[in-house]
């Protein structure tokens, strides 16, 4: 086994779940600028996480959408914009086809008038 492969700067760190304010104290090497006063009266580095075992549907058994950054909203907005663009193209194609038919009818009418003279 290689020597000095694993970090040796483990220390007590508090992780706080932003979904439900659940916090837990564990050992980690993660760096943090924030600190928090823990239940034992000591101050520990604080790491804020968007999801943990306390809020993840796999561990809680709940099925819900956790959308911190608005990914679902962005997806729905893109889908709505794509649908609007598709409808606009379809309307433009329909209008173009109607113009083409009207132009063909007009030319046919001119030919018929010219032949009748």
N, C-alpha and C. Protein backbone atom coordinates (compact mmCIF):
# COMPACT_ATOMS: atom_id res chain seq x y z
N UNK A 1 0.83 -1.18 0.00
CA UNK A 1 0.00 0.00 0.00
C UNK A 1 0.88 1.25 0.00
N UNK A 2 0.44 2.29 -0.68
CA UNK A 2 1.21 3.53 -0.74
C UNK A 2 1.13 4.27 0.59
N UNK A 3 2.24 4.86 0.96
CA UNK A 3 2.26 5.64 2.20
C UNK A 3 1.82 7.07 1.91
N UNK A 4 1.25 7.72 2.90
CA UNK A 4 0.81 9.12 2.83
C UNK A 4 -0.19 9.37 1.69
N UNK A 5 -1.01 8.37 1.39
CA UNK A 5 -2.01 8.51 0.34
C UNK A 5 -3.27 9.23 0.86
N UNK A 6 -3.65 8.92 2.07
CA UNK A 6 -4.86 9.50 2.63
C UNK A 6 -4.54 10.75 3.46
N UNK A 7 -5.47 11.72 3.49
CA UNK A 7 -5.21 12.94 4.28
C UNK A 7 -5.17 12.61 5.77
N UNK A 8 -4.44 13.42 6.51
CA UNK A 8 -4.35 13.19 7.94
C UNK A 8 -4.81 14.41 8.74
N UNK A 9 -5.52 15.33 8.09
CA UNK A 9 -5.98 16.54 8.77
C UNK A 9 -7.49 16.47 9.07
N UNK A 10 -7.96 15.34 9.56
CA UNK A 10 -9.36 15.21 9.94
C UNK A 10 -9.63 16.02 11.20
N UNK A 11 -10.82 16.64 11.22
CA UNK A 11 -11.24 17.40 12.39
C UNK A 11 -12.76 17.36 12.46
N UNK A 12 -13.32 17.75 13.56
CA UNK A 12 -14.79 17.76 13.72
C UNK A 12 -15.37 18.91 12.91
N UNK A 13 -16.41 18.61 12.13
CA UNK A 13 -17.06 19.59 11.26
C UNK A 13 -18.57 19.40 11.38
N UNK A 14 -19.33 20.50 11.35
CA UNK A 14 -20.79 20.42 11.36
C UNK A 14 -21.29 20.60 9.94
N UNK A 15 -22.12 19.66 9.48
CA UNK A 15 -22.79 19.75 8.19
C UNK A 15 -24.23 20.14 8.44
N UNK A 16 -24.72 21.14 7.71
CA UNK A 16 -26.10 21.62 7.90
C UNK A 16 -26.85 21.46 6.59
N UNK A 17 -27.97 20.74 6.63
CA UNK A 17 -28.83 20.54 5.47
C UNK A 17 -29.71 21.78 5.32
N UNK A 18 -29.66 22.43 4.17
CA UNK A 18 -30.42 23.67 3.96
C UNK A 18 -31.91 23.43 3.74
N UNK A 19 -32.30 22.19 3.41
CA UNK A 19 -33.72 21.91 3.18
C UNK A 19 -34.53 21.88 4.46
N UNK A 20 -33.95 21.32 5.52
CA UNK A 20 -34.73 21.18 6.75
C UNK A 20 -33.95 21.58 8.00
N UNK A 21 -32.85 22.28 7.82
CA UNK A 21 -32.01 22.76 8.93
C UNK A 21 -31.51 21.65 9.85
N UNK A 22 -31.43 20.43 9.35
CA UNK A 22 -30.87 19.33 10.12
C UNK A 22 -29.35 19.48 10.11
N UNK A 23 -28.73 19.37 11.27
CA UNK A 23 -27.28 19.49 11.38
C UNK A 23 -26.72 18.26 12.06
N UNK A 24 -25.52 17.88 11.65
CA UNK A 24 -24.85 16.77 12.31
C UNK A 24 -23.36 17.03 12.37
N UNK A 25 -22.75 16.51 13.41
CA UNK A 25 -21.32 16.69 13.67
C UNK A 25 -20.60 15.41 13.27
N UNK A 26 -19.57 15.55 12.46
CA UNK A 26 -18.79 14.40 12.02
C UNK A 26 -17.37 14.84 11.77
N UNK A 27 -16.52 13.91 11.45
CA UNK A 27 -15.13 14.24 11.13
C UNK A 27 -14.98 14.37 9.63
N UNK A 28 -14.20 15.37 9.20
CA UNK A 28 -14.00 15.61 7.78
C UNK A 28 -12.73 16.42 7.56
N UNK A 29 -12.28 16.45 6.31
CA UNK A 29 -11.12 17.27 5.95
C UNK A 29 -11.56 18.49 5.14
N UNK A 30 -12.86 18.66 4.91
CA UNK A 30 -13.36 19.75 4.08
C UNK A 30 -13.04 21.11 4.72
N UNK A 31 -12.70 22.07 3.86
CA UNK A 31 -12.37 23.41 4.33
C UNK A 31 -13.64 24.26 4.41
N UNK A 32 -13.71 25.15 5.39
CA UNK A 32 -14.87 26.01 5.55
C UNK A 32 -14.46 27.31 6.20
N UNK A 33 -15.10 28.41 5.76
CA UNK A 33 -14.84 29.72 6.35
C UNK A 33 -15.82 30.04 7.47
N UNK A 34 -16.99 29.37 7.45
CA UNK A 34 -18.02 29.64 8.45
C UNK A 34 -17.84 28.74 9.67
N UNK A 35 -18.32 29.20 10.80
CA UNK A 35 -18.31 28.40 12.01
C UNK A 35 -19.68 28.46 12.67
N UNK A 36 -19.93 27.50 13.54
CA UNK A 36 -21.20 27.44 14.25
C UNK A 36 -20.93 26.92 15.66
N UNK A 37 -21.71 27.41 16.60
CA UNK A 37 -21.60 26.94 17.98
C UNK A 37 -22.48 25.70 18.10
N UNK A 38 -21.89 24.58 18.52
CA UNK A 38 -22.60 23.31 18.59
C UNK A 38 -23.21 23.13 19.98
N UNK A 39 -24.01 22.11 20.14
CA UNK A 39 -24.74 21.85 21.37
C UNK A 39 -23.83 21.67 22.59
N UNK A 40 -22.60 21.21 22.37
CA UNK A 40 -21.69 20.99 23.49
C UNK A 40 -20.97 22.28 23.92
N UNK A 41 -21.30 23.40 23.25
CA UNK A 41 -20.73 24.69 23.60
C UNK A 41 -19.47 25.04 22.82
N UNK A 42 -18.93 24.10 22.05
CA UNK A 42 -17.73 24.35 21.25
C UNK A 42 -18.11 24.92 19.89
N UNK A 43 -17.17 25.60 19.26
CA UNK A 43 -17.39 26.17 17.94
C UNK A 43 -16.68 25.29 16.92
N UNK A 44 -17.41 24.91 15.84
CA UNK A 44 -16.89 24.03 14.81
C UNK A 44 -17.05 24.67 13.44
N UNK A 45 -16.24 24.26 12.47
CA UNK A 45 -16.44 24.73 11.09
C UNK A 45 -17.81 24.26 10.58
N UNK A 46 -18.47 25.08 9.78
CA UNK A 46 -19.80 24.77 9.27
C UNK A 46 -19.74 24.61 7.76
N UNK A 47 -20.34 23.52 7.27
CA UNK A 47 -20.46 23.27 5.83
C UNK A 47 -21.94 23.14 5.53
N UNK A 48 -22.46 23.99 4.64
CA UNK A 48 -23.88 23.94 4.28
C UNK A 48 -24.03 23.08 3.03
N UNK A 49 -24.98 22.15 3.07
CA UNK A 49 -25.23 21.25 1.94
C UNK A 49 -26.69 21.38 1.53
N UNK A 50 -26.95 21.17 0.25
CA UNK A 50 -28.32 21.29 -0.26
C UNK A 50 -29.15 20.06 0.06
N UNK A 51 -28.52 18.91 0.17
CA UNK A 51 -29.27 17.68 0.42
C UNK A 51 -28.39 16.74 1.23
N UNK A 52 -29.00 16.06 2.16
CA UNK A 52 -28.29 15.08 2.98
C UNK A 52 -29.21 13.89 3.20
N UNK A 53 -28.79 12.95 4.01
CA UNK A 53 -29.63 11.79 4.29
C UNK A 53 -30.91 12.18 5.01
N UNK A 54 -30.93 13.35 5.63
CA UNK A 54 -32.13 13.80 6.34
C UNK A 54 -33.20 14.33 5.40
N UNK A 55 -32.83 14.70 4.17
CA UNK A 55 -33.82 15.24 3.25
C UNK A 55 -33.89 14.50 1.92
N UNK A 56 -32.98 13.57 1.66
CA UNK A 56 -32.98 12.85 0.38
C UNK A 56 -34.13 11.85 0.35
N UNK A 57 -34.91 11.83 -0.74
CA UNK A 57 -36.07 10.94 -0.82
C UNK A 57 -35.73 9.46 -0.64
N UNK A 58 -34.55 9.04 -1.05
CA UNK A 58 -34.17 7.64 -0.89
C UNK A 58 -34.14 7.25 0.59
N UNK A 59 -33.64 8.13 1.43
CA UNK A 59 -33.52 7.83 2.85
C UNK A 59 -34.79 8.14 3.63
N UNK A 60 -35.55 9.14 3.19
CA UNK A 60 -36.75 9.54 3.93
C UNK A 60 -37.98 8.77 3.51
N UNK A 61 -37.96 8.18 2.31
CA UNK A 61 -39.12 7.46 1.81
C UNK A 61 -40.15 8.37 1.17
N UNK A 62 -39.91 9.67 1.19
CA UNK A 62 -40.83 10.62 0.56
C UNK A 62 -40.43 10.82 -0.89
N UNK A 63 -41.41 11.07 -1.72
CA UNK A 63 -41.10 11.41 -3.10
C UNK A 63 -41.49 12.86 -3.30
N UNK A 64 -40.49 13.70 -3.46
CA UNK A 64 -40.75 15.12 -3.67
C UNK A 64 -39.62 15.67 -4.52
N UNK A 65 -39.87 16.79 -5.12
CA UNK A 65 -38.88 17.43 -5.97
C UNK A 65 -38.13 18.47 -5.16
N UNK A 66 -36.84 18.34 -5.09
CA UNK A 66 -36.00 19.32 -4.41
C UNK A 66 -35.29 20.09 -5.51
N UNK A 67 -35.61 21.34 -5.65
CA UNK A 67 -35.08 22.13 -6.74
C UNK A 67 -34.51 23.43 -6.19
N UNK A 68 -33.26 23.40 -5.83
CA UNK A 68 -32.62 24.57 -5.23
C UNK A 68 -32.27 25.61 -6.29
N UNK A 69 -31.71 25.17 -7.40
CA UNK A 69 -31.22 26.11 -8.40
C UNK A 69 -32.25 26.46 -9.47
N UNK A 70 -33.46 25.95 -9.39
CA UNK A 70 -34.49 26.28 -10.38
C UNK A 70 -34.36 25.50 -11.67
N UNK A 71 -33.77 24.31 -11.62
CA UNK A 71 -33.57 23.53 -12.84
C UNK A 71 -34.89 23.14 -13.47
N UNK A 72 -35.87 22.77 -12.67
CA UNK A 72 -37.16 22.37 -13.21
C UNK A 72 -37.83 23.57 -13.87
N UNK A 73 -37.77 24.74 -13.23
CA UNK A 73 -38.36 25.94 -13.81
C UNK A 73 -37.68 26.30 -15.13
N UNK A 74 -36.37 26.20 -15.18
CA UNK A 74 -35.64 26.49 -16.42
C UNK A 74 -36.05 25.53 -17.52
N UNK A 75 -36.17 24.24 -17.17
CA UNK A 75 -36.58 23.25 -18.16
C UNK A 75 -37.98 23.55 -18.69
N UNK A 76 -38.91 23.86 -17.78
CA UNK A 76 -40.27 24.17 -18.21
C UNK A 76 -40.32 25.42 -19.08
N UNK A 77 -39.50 26.42 -18.76
CA UNK A 77 -39.45 27.65 -19.57
C UNK A 77 -38.92 27.34 -20.96
N UNK A 78 -37.87 26.51 -21.04
CA UNK A 78 -37.31 26.15 -22.35
C UNK A 78 -38.33 25.37 -23.16
N UNK A 79 -39.05 24.45 -22.52
CA UNK A 79 -40.06 23.66 -23.21
C UNK A 79 -41.19 24.55 -23.73
N UNK A 80 -41.59 25.51 -22.91
CA UNK A 80 -42.65 26.44 -23.32
C UNK A 80 -42.19 27.30 -24.50
N UNK A 81 -40.95 27.78 -24.45
CA UNK A 81 -40.41 28.59 -25.55
C UNK A 81 -40.29 27.76 -26.82
N UNK A 82 -39.88 26.50 -26.69
CA UNK A 82 -39.77 25.63 -27.86
C UNK A 82 -41.14 25.38 -28.48
N UNK A 83 -42.15 25.17 -27.66
CA UNK A 83 -43.51 24.97 -28.16
C UNK A 83 -44.02 26.22 -28.88
N UNK A 84 -43.75 27.39 -28.31
CA UNK A 84 -44.17 28.64 -28.95
C UNK A 84 -43.47 28.82 -30.29
N UNK A 85 -42.18 28.51 -30.35
CA UNK A 85 -41.43 28.63 -31.60
C UNK A 85 -41.97 27.64 -32.64
N UNK A 86 -42.30 26.43 -32.19
CA UNK A 86 -42.85 25.41 -33.09
C UNK A 86 -44.19 25.89 -33.66
N UNK A 87 -45.05 26.45 -32.80
CA UNK A 87 -46.35 26.96 -33.26
C UNK A 87 -46.16 28.12 -34.23
N UNK A 88 -45.20 28.98 -33.96
CA UNK A 88 -44.93 30.12 -34.84
C UNK A 88 -44.46 29.64 -36.21
N UNK A 89 -43.57 28.64 -36.23
CA UNK A 89 -43.11 28.09 -37.52
C UNK A 89 -44.25 27.43 -38.28
N UNK A 90 -45.12 26.71 -37.55
CA UNK A 90 -46.26 26.05 -38.20
C UNK A 90 -47.20 27.09 -38.79
N UNK A 91 -47.45 28.17 -38.05
CA UNK A 91 -48.34 29.23 -38.57
C UNK A 91 -47.71 29.90 -39.79
N UNK A 92 -46.41 30.14 -39.75
CA UNK A 92 -45.72 30.76 -40.89
C UNK A 92 -45.77 29.84 -42.10
N UNK A 93 -45.59 28.54 -41.91
CA UNK A 93 -45.64 27.58 -43.01
C UNK A 93 -47.05 27.52 -43.60
N UNK A 94 -48.06 27.57 -42.74
CA UNK A 94 -49.46 27.55 -43.20
C UNK A 94 -49.76 28.81 -44.02
N UNK A 95 -49.28 29.95 -43.53
CA UNK A 95 -49.49 31.22 -44.23
C UNK A 95 -48.78 31.19 -45.58
N UNK A 96 -47.55 30.66 -45.60
CA UNK A 96 -46.77 30.56 -46.84
C UNK A 96 -47.49 29.67 -47.85
N UNK A 97 -48.04 28.56 -47.37
CA UNK A 97 -48.77 27.64 -48.25
C UNK A 97 -50.02 28.32 -48.80
N UNK A 98 -50.72 29.07 -47.97
CA UNK A 98 -51.93 29.78 -48.42
C UNK A 98 -51.57 30.82 -49.48
N UNK A 99 -50.45 31.53 -49.29
CA UNK A 99 -50.00 32.50 -50.29
C UNK A 99 -49.67 31.82 -51.62
N UNK A 100 -49.01 30.67 -51.52
CA UNK A 100 -48.62 29.94 -52.72
C UNK A 100 -49.86 29.49 -53.49
N UNK A 101 -50.86 28.99 -52.77
CA UNK A 101 -52.11 28.55 -53.40
C UNK A 101 -52.81 29.75 -54.04
N UNK A 102 -52.88 30.88 -53.33
CA UNK A 102 -53.53 32.08 -53.86
C UNK A 102 -52.80 32.59 -55.10
N UNK A 103 -51.47 32.55 -55.07
CA UNK A 103 -50.68 32.99 -56.22
C UNK A 103 -50.91 32.07 -57.42
N UNK A 104 -50.98 30.77 -57.17
CA UNK A 104 -51.23 29.81 -58.25
C UNK A 104 -52.62 30.02 -58.84
N UNK A 105 -53.60 30.27 -57.97
CA UNK A 105 -54.97 30.52 -58.45
C UNK A 105 -55.02 31.80 -59.28
N UNK A 106 -54.30 32.82 -58.85
CA UNK A 106 -54.27 34.10 -59.56
C UNK A 106 -53.65 33.91 -60.94
N UNK A 107 -52.53 33.16 -61.01
CA UNK A 107 -51.88 32.91 -62.29
C UNK A 107 -52.78 32.09 -63.20
N UNK A 108 -53.50 31.12 -62.64
CA UNK A 108 -54.42 30.30 -63.42
C UNK A 108 -55.55 31.16 -63.97
N UNK A 109 -56.02 32.09 -63.13
CA UNK A 109 -57.08 33.00 -63.58
C UNK A 109 -56.58 33.88 -64.72
N UNK A 110 -55.33 34.35 -64.65
CA UNK A 110 -54.74 35.17 -65.71
C UNK A 110 -54.63 34.39 -67.01
N UNK A 111 -54.18 33.11 -66.90
CA UNK A 111 -54.06 32.26 -68.07
C UNK A 111 -55.43 32.04 -68.74
N UNK A 112 -56.41 31.78 -67.90
CA UNK A 112 -57.77 31.54 -68.41
C UNK A 112 -58.30 32.80 -69.09
N UNK A 113 -58.05 33.95 -68.50
CA UNK A 113 -58.51 35.22 -69.09
C UNK A 113 -57.79 35.48 -70.39
N UNK A 114 -56.49 35.19 -70.45
CA UNK A 114 -55.70 35.42 -71.66
C UNK A 114 -56.13 34.48 -72.76
N UNK A 115 -56.48 33.25 -72.43
CA UNK A 115 -56.90 32.28 -73.44
C UNK A 115 -58.29 32.60 -73.97
N UNK A 116 -59.13 33.20 -73.16
CA UNK A 116 -60.49 33.53 -73.56
C UNK A 116 -60.53 34.76 -74.47
N UNK A 117 -59.51 35.53 -74.58
CA UNK A 117 -59.51 36.75 -75.40
C UNK A 117 -59.32 36.42 -76.79
